[in-house]
Protein backbone atom coordinates (compact mmCIF):
# COMPACT_ATOMS: atom_id res chain seq x y z
CA MET A 1 -37.33 109.48 20.08
CA GLY A 2 -40.54 109.52 18.09
CA SER A 3 -41.07 111.46 14.92
CA SER A 4 -43.14 114.59 14.78
CA PHE A 5 -44.40 117.20 12.36
CA GLU A 6 -45.57 120.76 12.57
CA VAL A 7 -47.66 122.95 10.30
CA VAL A 8 -45.17 125.77 9.97
CA GLU A 9 -47.14 127.92 7.63
CA HIS A 10 -50.43 128.14 5.82
CA ALA A 11 -49.69 131.37 4.02
CA GLY A 12 -52.15 132.37 1.39
CA THR A 13 -52.60 129.27 -0.70
CA ASP A 14 -49.57 127.15 0.25
CA TRP A 15 -49.21 124.69 3.12
CA THR A 16 -45.76 124.02 4.67
CA PHE A 17 -45.10 121.10 7.01
CA GLU A 18 -41.80 120.56 8.88
CA PHE A 19 -40.78 117.09 10.09
CA VAL A 20 -38.39 115.93 12.84
CA ASP A 21 -37.01 112.39 13.09
CA GLU A 22 -39.15 111.29 10.17
CA ALA A 23 -37.88 108.98 7.41
CA ILE A 24 -39.29 107.16 4.41
CA TRP A 25 -39.76 103.57 5.53
CA LEU A 26 -42.00 102.18 2.80
CA ILE A 27 -41.82 102.56 -0.97
CA GLN A 28 -44.58 101.01 -3.08
CA LEU A 29 -44.35 100.77 -6.85
CA ASP A 30 -47.26 100.00 -9.17
CA TYR A 31 -48.80 102.38 -11.71
CA ALA A 32 -47.91 105.06 -9.12
CA VAL A 33 -45.09 105.66 -6.61
CA SER A 34 -46.07 105.68 -2.94
CA LEU A 35 -43.81 106.96 -0.16
CA VAL A 36 -44.75 106.34 3.47
CA THR A 37 -43.34 107.63 6.76
CA GLN A 38 -44.73 107.37 10.26
CA ASN A 39 -46.95 110.43 9.73
CA LEU A 40 -47.24 110.79 5.96
CA GLN A 41 -48.58 108.87 2.96
CA LEU A 42 -47.83 110.26 -0.49
CA ARG A 43 -49.02 108.64 -3.71
CA ILE A 44 -47.64 110.12 -6.95
CA GLU A 45 -49.54 109.19 -10.11
CA ARG A 46 -47.70 111.22 -12.75
CA SER A 47 -44.13 111.93 -13.86
CA PHE A 48 -42.07 113.83 -11.29
CA GLU A 49 -38.52 114.97 -10.66
CA LEU A 50 -36.03 113.70 -8.11
CA ARG A 51 -33.27 116.27 -7.71
CA ARG A 52 -29.95 115.56 -6.06
CA ALA A 53 -26.82 117.70 -5.84
CA LYS A 54 -25.66 117.25 -9.43
CA GLN A 55 -28.28 114.85 -10.73
CA HIS A 56 -31.87 115.28 -11.87
CA PHE A 57 -34.02 112.26 -12.60
CA THR A 58 -37.39 112.27 -14.30
CA ILE A 59 -39.41 109.47 -12.74
CA VAL A 60 -42.28 107.93 -14.70
CA PRO A 61 -44.27 105.82 -12.20
CA ASN A 62 -45.24 102.97 -14.54
CA SER A 63 -41.84 102.79 -16.28
CA PRO A 64 -39.63 100.22 -14.48
CA GLN A 65 -36.36 101.53 -15.95
CA ASP A 66 -37.06 104.99 -14.44
CA LEU A 67 -37.77 103.75 -10.91
CA VAL A 68 -34.27 102.77 -9.77
CA PRO A 69 -33.44 106.21 -8.23
CA VAL A 70 -36.64 106.03 -6.16
CA LEU A 71 -35.39 102.92 -4.35
CA SER A 72 -32.51 104.92 -2.84
CA LEU A 73 -35.07 107.01 -0.92
CA HIS A 74 -35.63 104.18 1.58
CA GLU A 75 -34.77 105.48 5.08
CA GLU A 76 -34.09 109.01 3.76
CA PRO A 77 -34.94 111.65 6.36
CA LEU A 78 -37.89 113.88 5.50
CA ARG A 79 -37.45 117.57 6.36
CA ARG A 80 -40.28 119.56 4.75
CA VAL A 81 -43.30 119.23 2.47
CA VAL A 82 -44.82 122.21 0.66
CA VAL A 83 -48.21 121.83 -1.04
CA ALA A 84 -49.27 124.65 -3.36
CA GLU A 85 -52.77 125.71 -4.39
CA SER A 86 -51.66 125.16 -8.00
CA GLY A 87 -51.46 121.42 -7.29
CA GLU A 88 -47.65 121.30 -7.06
CA LEU A 89 -45.88 119.41 -4.29
CA ARG A 90 -42.27 119.79 -3.11
CA MET A 91 -40.78 117.28 -0.68
CA HIS A 92 -37.41 118.21 0.80
CA LEU A 93 -35.17 115.43 2.09
CA ARG A 94 -31.74 115.56 3.74
CA ASP A 95 -28.76 117.08 1.98
CA GLY A 96 -30.93 119.16 -0.35
CA GLU A 97 -32.59 116.27 -2.17
CA THR A 98 -35.98 117.33 -3.52
CA ILE A 99 -38.98 115.61 -5.05
CA LEU A 100 -40.99 117.94 -7.27
CA VAL A 101 -44.44 116.87 -8.44
CA PRO A 102 -45.89 119.37 -10.94
CA PRO A 103 -49.64 119.99 -11.13
CA SER A 104 -51.71 117.51 -13.09
CA ASP A 105 -52.08 118.25 -16.77
CA ASP A 106 -54.39 115.37 -17.61
CA ALA A 107 -57.50 113.57 -16.40
CA TYR A 108 -55.88 112.16 -13.23
CA GLU A 109 -54.65 113.49 -9.92
CA ALA A 110 -50.90 114.19 -9.87
CA PHE A 111 -50.75 113.09 -6.22
CA THR A 112 -52.68 112.42 -3.06
CA LEU A 113 -51.16 113.22 0.32
CA SER A 114 -52.29 112.42 3.84
CA ILE A 115 -50.50 113.65 6.96
CA THR A 116 -51.75 111.70 10.01
CA GLY A 117 -55.19 111.66 8.42
CA ASP A 118 -55.71 115.20 9.73
CA PHE A 119 -54.43 116.97 6.61
CA ASN A 120 -55.42 115.47 3.26
CA PHE A 121 -54.66 116.84 -0.19
CA ALA A 122 -55.36 115.84 -3.79
CA SER A 123 -53.88 117.52 -6.83
CA LEU A 124 -56.88 117.93 -9.08
CA PRO A 125 -57.02 116.80 -12.71
CA GLY A 126 -56.00 119.74 -14.88
CA GLY A 127 -54.41 121.62 -11.94
CA GLY A 128 -55.53 122.97 -8.60
CA LEU A 129 -55.79 121.45 -5.14
CA ASP A 130 -58.47 119.95 -2.94
CA TYR A 131 -57.85 119.62 0.79
CA TRP A 132 -59.79 118.42 3.80
CA GLY A 133 -59.21 117.54 7.42
CA ALA A 134 -60.27 114.74 9.69
CA MET A 135 -63.55 116.58 10.28
CA GLY A 136 -64.33 117.24 6.60
CA ARG A 137 -63.63 119.75 3.84
CA ASP A 138 -61.55 122.92 4.18
CA ALA A 139 -58.98 121.93 6.80
CA THR A 140 -57.94 125.51 7.55
């Protein structure tokens, strides 16, 4: 069975995507953390939180000692992604695991996200969100 996704909601300023049979199959580590599934590419360029049942990890992308918890995400099922106009991203995995990327507070994007190339987002430096579709700006 192939994976799929659905835009569940574009309410106000937030975008919500639901995924079925989708899992993280590639993790790339450099000065950022990249997570890739069949339909999604997420690149996180700032500190973020990985929350598990009774554990919270602060992940600093270019800090090798902080990256160990990220490796356990390989093959984790992806359930939902919520992108907020503020520039925040929440990725929900199985069993309540959550990745929380706060808006950028510096001169760089907090994250870039592409879902099948049809939905593209960038958390803007200093906060806010830019988004565009396969046909150009304002993928609404």
